[in-house]
Amino acid sequence: MNNRLKVLRAERDWSQADLADQLGVSRQTVNALETGRYDPSLPLAFKIARTFDLAIEDIFSE
């Protein structure tokens, strides 16, 4: 699954650790999400979408 997490995070000048803290996950999880090694659970995808104030579809795509 492709995503725009790295770009969205960079636009806000957040580190992976900053985003991880906001999501309640580890920095390694954020890295795995950004590199496509891990697809988020539905609850985590909703939390990410709320964090960026976007729809899930605006962040993730197949």
N, C-alpha and C. Protein backbone atom coordinates (compact mmCIF):
# COMPACT_ATOMS: atom_id res chain seq x y z
N MET A 1 0.84 -1.17 0.00
CA MET A 1 0.00 0.00 0.00
C MET A 1 0.90 1.24 0.00
N ASN A 2 0.61 2.16 -0.87
CA ASN A 2 1.35 3.42 -0.94
C ASN A 2 0.74 4.42 0.03
N ASN A 3 1.59 5.34 0.48
CA ASN A 3 1.06 6.38 1.36
C ASN A 3 1.88 7.66 1.23
N ARG A 4 1.32 8.74 1.74
CA ARG A 4 1.97 10.06 1.69
C ARG A 4 2.47 10.49 3.06
N LEU A 5 2.67 9.55 3.97
CA LEU A 5 3.04 9.91 5.34
C LEU A 5 4.31 10.73 5.42
N LYS A 6 5.34 10.31 4.71
CA LYS A 6 6.62 11.02 4.80
C LYS A 6 6.48 12.47 4.34
N VAL A 7 5.75 12.67 3.24
CA VAL A 7 5.54 14.02 2.71
C VAL A 7 4.71 14.86 3.69
N LEU A 8 3.63 14.28 4.18
CA LEU A 8 2.76 15.01 5.12
C LEU A 8 3.52 15.37 6.40
N ARG A 9 4.32 14.44 6.87
CA ARG A 9 5.11 14.67 8.08
C ARG A 9 6.14 15.78 7.84
N ALA A 10 6.80 15.73 6.70
CA ALA A 10 7.83 16.73 6.37
C ALA A 10 7.21 18.12 6.21
N GLU A 11 6.01 18.19 5.64
CA GLU A 11 5.34 19.49 5.48
C GLU A 11 5.09 20.17 6.82
N ARG A 12 4.96 19.36 7.85
CA ARG A 12 4.70 19.90 9.19
C ARG A 12 5.98 20.00 10.02
N ASP A 13 7.11 19.62 9.41
CA ASP A 13 8.41 19.65 10.09
C ASP A 13 8.42 18.77 11.33
N TRP A 14 7.77 17.61 11.23
CA TRP A 14 7.73 16.64 12.33
C TRP A 14 8.76 15.55 12.06
N SER A 15 9.41 15.09 13.10
CA SER A 15 10.28 13.92 12.98
C SER A 15 9.40 12.67 13.06
N GLN A 16 9.99 11.53 12.75
CA GLN A 16 9.24 10.28 12.90
C GLN A 16 8.84 10.09 14.36
N ALA A 17 9.73 10.49 15.27
CA ALA A 17 9.43 10.36 16.71
C ALA A 17 8.26 11.26 17.10
N ASP A 18 8.20 12.47 16.53
CA ASP A 18 7.08 13.37 16.82
C ASP A 18 5.75 12.73 16.41
N LEU A 19 5.72 12.20 15.20
CA LEU A 19 4.49 11.57 14.72
C LEU A 19 4.16 10.34 15.54
N ALA A 20 5.16 9.55 15.87
CA ALA A 20 4.95 8.35 16.68
C ALA A 20 4.32 8.70 18.02
N ASP A 21 4.82 9.77 18.65
CA ASP A 21 4.26 10.20 19.93
C ASP A 21 2.79 10.58 19.80
N GLN A 22 2.46 11.27 18.73
CA GLN A 22 1.07 11.68 18.52
C GLN A 22 0.15 10.49 18.26
N LEU A 23 0.70 9.46 17.63
CA LEU A 23 -0.11 8.29 17.29
C LEU A 23 -0.10 7.22 18.37
N GLY A 24 0.83 7.33 19.31
CA GLY A 24 0.93 6.31 20.35
C GLY A 24 1.57 5.02 19.85
N VAL A 25 2.49 5.15 18.90
CA VAL A 25 3.22 4.00 18.37
C VAL A 25 4.72 4.29 18.46
N SER A 26 5.54 3.32 18.08
CA SER A 26 6.98 3.53 18.11
C SER A 26 7.45 4.25 16.85
N ARG A 27 8.64 4.83 16.93
CA ARG A 27 9.24 5.47 15.76
C ARG A 27 9.47 4.42 14.67
N GLN A 28 9.80 3.20 15.07
CA GLN A 28 10.02 2.12 14.11
C GLN A 28 8.74 1.80 13.34
N THR A 29 7.60 1.90 14.01
CA THR A 29 6.32 1.67 13.32
C THR A 29 6.08 2.75 12.27
N VAL A 30 6.37 4.00 12.61
CA VAL A 30 6.22 5.08 11.64
C VAL A 30 7.14 4.85 10.45
N ASN A 31 8.37 4.44 10.71
CA ASN A 31 9.31 4.16 9.63
C ASN A 31 8.80 3.03 8.75
N ALA A 32 8.29 1.97 9.36
CA ALA A 32 7.76 0.84 8.59
C ALA A 32 6.55 1.25 7.76
N LEU A 33 5.71 2.12 8.30
CA LEU A 33 4.56 2.63 7.54
C LEU A 33 5.04 3.44 6.34
N GLU A 34 5.98 4.34 6.57
CA GLU A 34 6.46 5.23 5.51
C GLU A 34 7.13 4.46 4.37
N THR A 35 7.81 3.38 4.71
CA THR A 35 8.53 2.62 3.69
C THR A 35 7.69 1.50 3.08
N GLY A 36 6.44 1.36 3.54
CA GLY A 36 5.54 0.37 2.96
C GLY A 36 5.76 -1.04 3.46
N ARG A 37 6.56 -1.20 4.51
CA ARG A 37 6.78 -2.54 5.07
C ARG A 37 5.65 -2.97 5.99
N TYR A 38 4.79 -2.05 6.36
CA TYR A 38 3.72 -2.33 7.30
C TYR A 38 2.48 -1.54 6.88
N ASP A 39 1.36 -2.23 6.81
CA ASP A 39 0.08 -1.57 6.54
C ASP A 39 -0.63 -1.37 7.88
N PRO A 40 -1.16 -0.19 8.11
CA PRO A 40 -1.77 0.07 9.42
C PRO A 40 -3.09 -0.67 9.60
N SER A 41 -3.40 -0.93 10.86
CA SER A 41 -4.73 -1.45 11.18
C SER A 41 -5.73 -0.34 10.87
N LEU A 42 -6.98 -0.70 10.78
CA LEU A 42 -8.01 0.31 10.50
C LEU A 42 -8.07 1.38 11.60
N PRO A 43 -8.02 1.00 12.88
CA PRO A 43 -8.02 2.06 13.91
C PRO A 43 -6.81 2.99 13.79
N LEU A 44 -5.64 2.45 13.48
CA LEU A 44 -4.46 3.29 13.32
C LEU A 44 -4.59 4.18 12.09
N ALA A 45 -5.15 3.66 11.01
CA ALA A 45 -5.35 4.47 9.80
C ALA A 45 -6.28 5.65 10.10
N PHE A 46 -7.34 5.40 10.88
CA PHE A 46 -8.25 6.50 11.26
C PHE A 46 -7.52 7.52 12.13
N LYS A 47 -6.68 7.04 13.04
CA LYS A 47 -5.94 7.95 13.92
C LYS A 47 -4.97 8.81 13.11
N ILE A 48 -4.32 8.21 12.12
CA ILE A 48 -3.41 8.95 11.24
C ILE A 48 -4.19 10.01 10.47
N ALA A 49 -5.33 9.61 9.93
CA ALA A 49 -6.16 10.56 9.16
C ALA A 49 -6.59 11.74 10.03
N ARG A 50 -7.00 11.46 11.27
CA ARG A 50 -7.40 12.54 12.18
C ARG A 50 -6.21 13.45 12.51
N THR A 51 -5.04 12.86 12.68
CA THR A 51 -3.85 13.64 13.01
C THR A 51 -3.53 14.65 11.92
N PHE A 52 -3.70 14.24 10.66
CA PHE A 52 -3.41 15.13 9.53
C PHE A 52 -4.65 15.87 9.03
N ASP A 53 -5.81 15.63 9.66
CA ASP A 53 -7.06 16.25 9.27
C ASP A 53 -7.37 15.99 7.79
N LEU A 54 -7.19 14.73 7.39
CA LEU A 54 -7.45 14.30 6.01
C LEU A 54 -8.27 13.01 6.03
N ALA A 55 -8.84 12.67 4.90
CA ALA A 55 -9.51 11.39 4.74
C ALA A 55 -8.45 10.30 4.56
N ILE A 56 -8.77 9.10 4.99
CA ILE A 56 -7.84 7.98 4.84
C ILE A 56 -7.40 7.85 3.38
N GLU A 57 -8.35 8.03 2.46
CA GLU A 57 -8.05 7.89 1.03
C GLU A 57 -7.07 8.94 0.54
N ASP A 58 -6.97 10.06 1.25
CA ASP A 58 -6.02 11.11 0.86
C ASP A 58 -4.60 10.79 1.32
N ILE A 59 -4.47 9.81 2.17
CA ILE A 59 -3.15 9.43 2.70
C ILE A 59 -2.68 8.10 2.12
N PHE A 60 -3.58 7.14 2.05
CA PHE A 60 -3.23 5.79 1.60
C PHE A 60 -3.87 5.46 0.26
N SER A 61 -3.14 4.73 -0.57
CA SER A 61 -3.68 4.26 -1.85
C SER A 61 -3.06 2.91 -2.18
N GLU A 62 -3.73 2.17 -3.04
CA GLU A 62 -3.20 0.85 -3.44
C GLU A 62 -2.19 1.01 -4.54
